[in-house]
Amino acid sequence: MRGCGSLCGALALLAIAPAFAGERFSAEAIAKGREQYQRTCVHCHGFNMVNAGTTVFDLRKFPTDQPDRFKQSVMQGKGAMPSWKETLTAEQIDWLWAYVGSRGGKGR
């Protein structure tokens, strides 16, 4: 892009600014994820992801660097957990990841 110069550079920096600020998830995505979690996940995984971790996975321990694994598990199901691919949209699953991946908003 000729003539773009500093404007393109500034726009590129704005696009990645949240990563530099240490924010991986927006507050809005986390809030929507919390709401979705309350509707679909709380019964098994517990309020605020707190459960005994004996019969279902303790989501507070899910590796935060594995969003694809999380999304695949939600879509396909795993163990006793059913598949949610016919129930949840990709956007709703992304919101759930924002909630789980941020440890309920504590690790934005």
Protein backbone atom coordinates (compact mmCIF):
# COMPACT_ATOMS: atom_id res chain seq x y z
CA MET A 1 0.00 0.00 0.00
CA ARG A 2 1.85 3.02 -1.25
CA GLY A 3 1.34 6.24 0.60
CA CYS A 4 0.04 4.50 3.66
CA GLY A 5 3.10 5.29 5.78
CA SER A 6 2.57 6.13 9.42
CA LEU A 7 -1.21 5.82 9.26
CA CYS A 8 -1.01 2.11 8.42
CA GLY A 9 1.61 1.61 11.12
CA ALA A 10 -0.59 3.34 13.68
CA LEU A 11 -3.61 1.26 12.69
CA ALA A 12 -1.55 -1.93 12.98
CA LEU A 13 -0.45 -0.94 16.49
CA LEU A 14 -4.03 -0.23 17.52
CA ALA A 15 -5.06 -3.68 16.35
CA ILE A 16 -2.54 -5.37 18.64
CA ALA A 17 -2.63 -2.88 21.52
CA PRO A 18 -4.74 -5.09 23.82
CA ALA A 19 -2.07 -7.82 23.62
CA PHE A 20 0.58 -5.33 24.75
CA ALA A 21 -1.66 -4.20 27.59
CA GLY A 22 -1.90 -7.79 28.79
CA GLU A 23 -5.59 -8.09 27.91
CA ARG A 24 -6.50 -11.25 26.07
CA PHE A 25 -10.27 -10.91 26.38
CA SER A 26 -12.56 -7.91 26.41
CA ALA A 27 -14.67 -7.23 29.48
CA GLU A 28 -17.75 -7.55 27.26
CA ALA A 29 -16.74 -11.01 26.00
CA ILE A 30 -16.03 -12.19 29.55
CA ALA A 31 -19.40 -10.88 30.76
CA LYS A 32 -21.23 -12.58 27.89
CA GLY A 33 -19.25 -15.75 28.58
CA ARG A 34 -20.24 -15.63 32.25
CA GLU A 35 -23.92 -15.31 31.26
CA GLN A 36 -23.61 -18.19 28.79
CA TYR A 37 -21.78 -20.29 31.38
CA GLN A 38 -24.62 -19.71 33.86
CA ARG A 39 -27.11 -20.95 31.26
CA THR A 40 -25.27 -24.01 29.98
CA CYS A 41 -22.32 -25.07 32.15
CA VAL A 42 -23.00 -24.23 35.78
CA HIS A 43 -25.06 -27.36 36.44
CA CYS A 44 -22.04 -29.60 35.99
CA HIS A 45 -19.00 -27.35 36.32
CA GLY A 46 -20.25 -25.34 39.31
CA PHE A 47 -20.79 -21.67 40.14
CA ASN A 48 -17.78 -19.59 39.11
CA MET A 49 -16.20 -22.83 37.82
CA VAL A 50 -15.85 -24.12 41.39
CA ASN A 51 -16.51 -27.84 41.74
CA ALA A 52 -14.94 -30.83 43.41
CA GLY A 53 -13.23 -31.83 40.18
CA THR A 54 -13.94 -35.48 40.86
CA THR A 55 -16.60 -36.23 38.25
CA VAL A 56 -16.26 -33.27 35.87
CA PHE A 57 -13.26 -31.32 34.69
CA ASP A 58 -12.22 -28.41 36.90
CA LEU A 59 -12.31 -25.60 34.34
CA ARG A 60 -10.13 -23.38 36.55
CA LYS A 61 -7.29 -25.71 35.58
CA PHE A 62 -7.91 -25.74 31.84
CA PRO A 63 -4.71 -24.66 30.02
CA THR A 64 -5.19 -21.05 28.96
CA ASP A 65 -2.99 -21.56 25.92
CA GLN A 66 -5.33 -24.17 24.38
CA PRO A 67 -8.42 -22.36 23.10
CA ASP A 68 -8.84 -24.75 20.18
CA ARG A 69 -8.86 -27.76 22.53
CA PHE A 70 -11.51 -26.07 24.68
CA LYS A 71 -13.70 -25.20 21.71
CA GLN A 72 -13.34 -28.69 20.24
CA SER A 73 -14.37 -30.26 23.58
CA VAL A 74 -17.44 -28.03 23.78
CA MET A 75 -18.44 -28.72 20.19
CA GLN A 76 -17.77 -32.46 20.15
CA GLY A 77 -18.33 -33.33 23.80
CA LYS A 78 -15.89 -35.26 25.92
CA GLY A 79 -16.47 -38.08 28.37
CA ALA A 80 -19.85 -37.53 30.02
CA MET A 81 -20.13 -34.00 28.57
CA PRO A 82 -22.48 -33.83 25.59
CA SER A 83 -21.73 -32.08 22.32
CA TRP A 84 -22.98 -28.50 22.21
CA LYS A 85 -22.39 -27.91 18.48
CA GLU A 86 -26.11 -28.09 17.68
CA THR A 87 -27.04 -25.86 20.63
CA LEU A 88 -24.40 -23.11 20.82
CA THR A 89 -23.19 -20.78 18.10
CA ALA A 90 -19.48 -20.27 17.41
CA GLU A 91 -19.84 -16.83 19.01
CA GLN A 92 -21.33 -18.29 22.19
CA ILE A 93 -18.48 -20.80 22.40
CA ASP A 94 -15.99 -17.94 21.96
CA TRP A 95 -17.68 -16.13 24.85
CA LEU A 96 -17.41 -19.26 26.98
CA TRP A 97 -13.70 -19.42 26.15
CA ALA A 98 -13.30 -15.77 27.17
CA TYR A 99 -14.85 -16.60 30.54
CA VAL A 100 -12.94 -19.84 31.10
CA GLY A 101 -9.69 -18.65 29.51
CA SER A 102 -9.66 -15.53 31.67
CA ARG A 103 -10.37 -17.59 34.79
CA GLY A 104 -13.72 -15.88 35.19
CA GLY A 105 -12.31 -12.44 34.43
CA LYS A 106 -9.39 -12.72 36.85
CA GLY A 107 -6.79 -13.34 34.15
CA ARG A 108 -7.87 -10.99 31.40
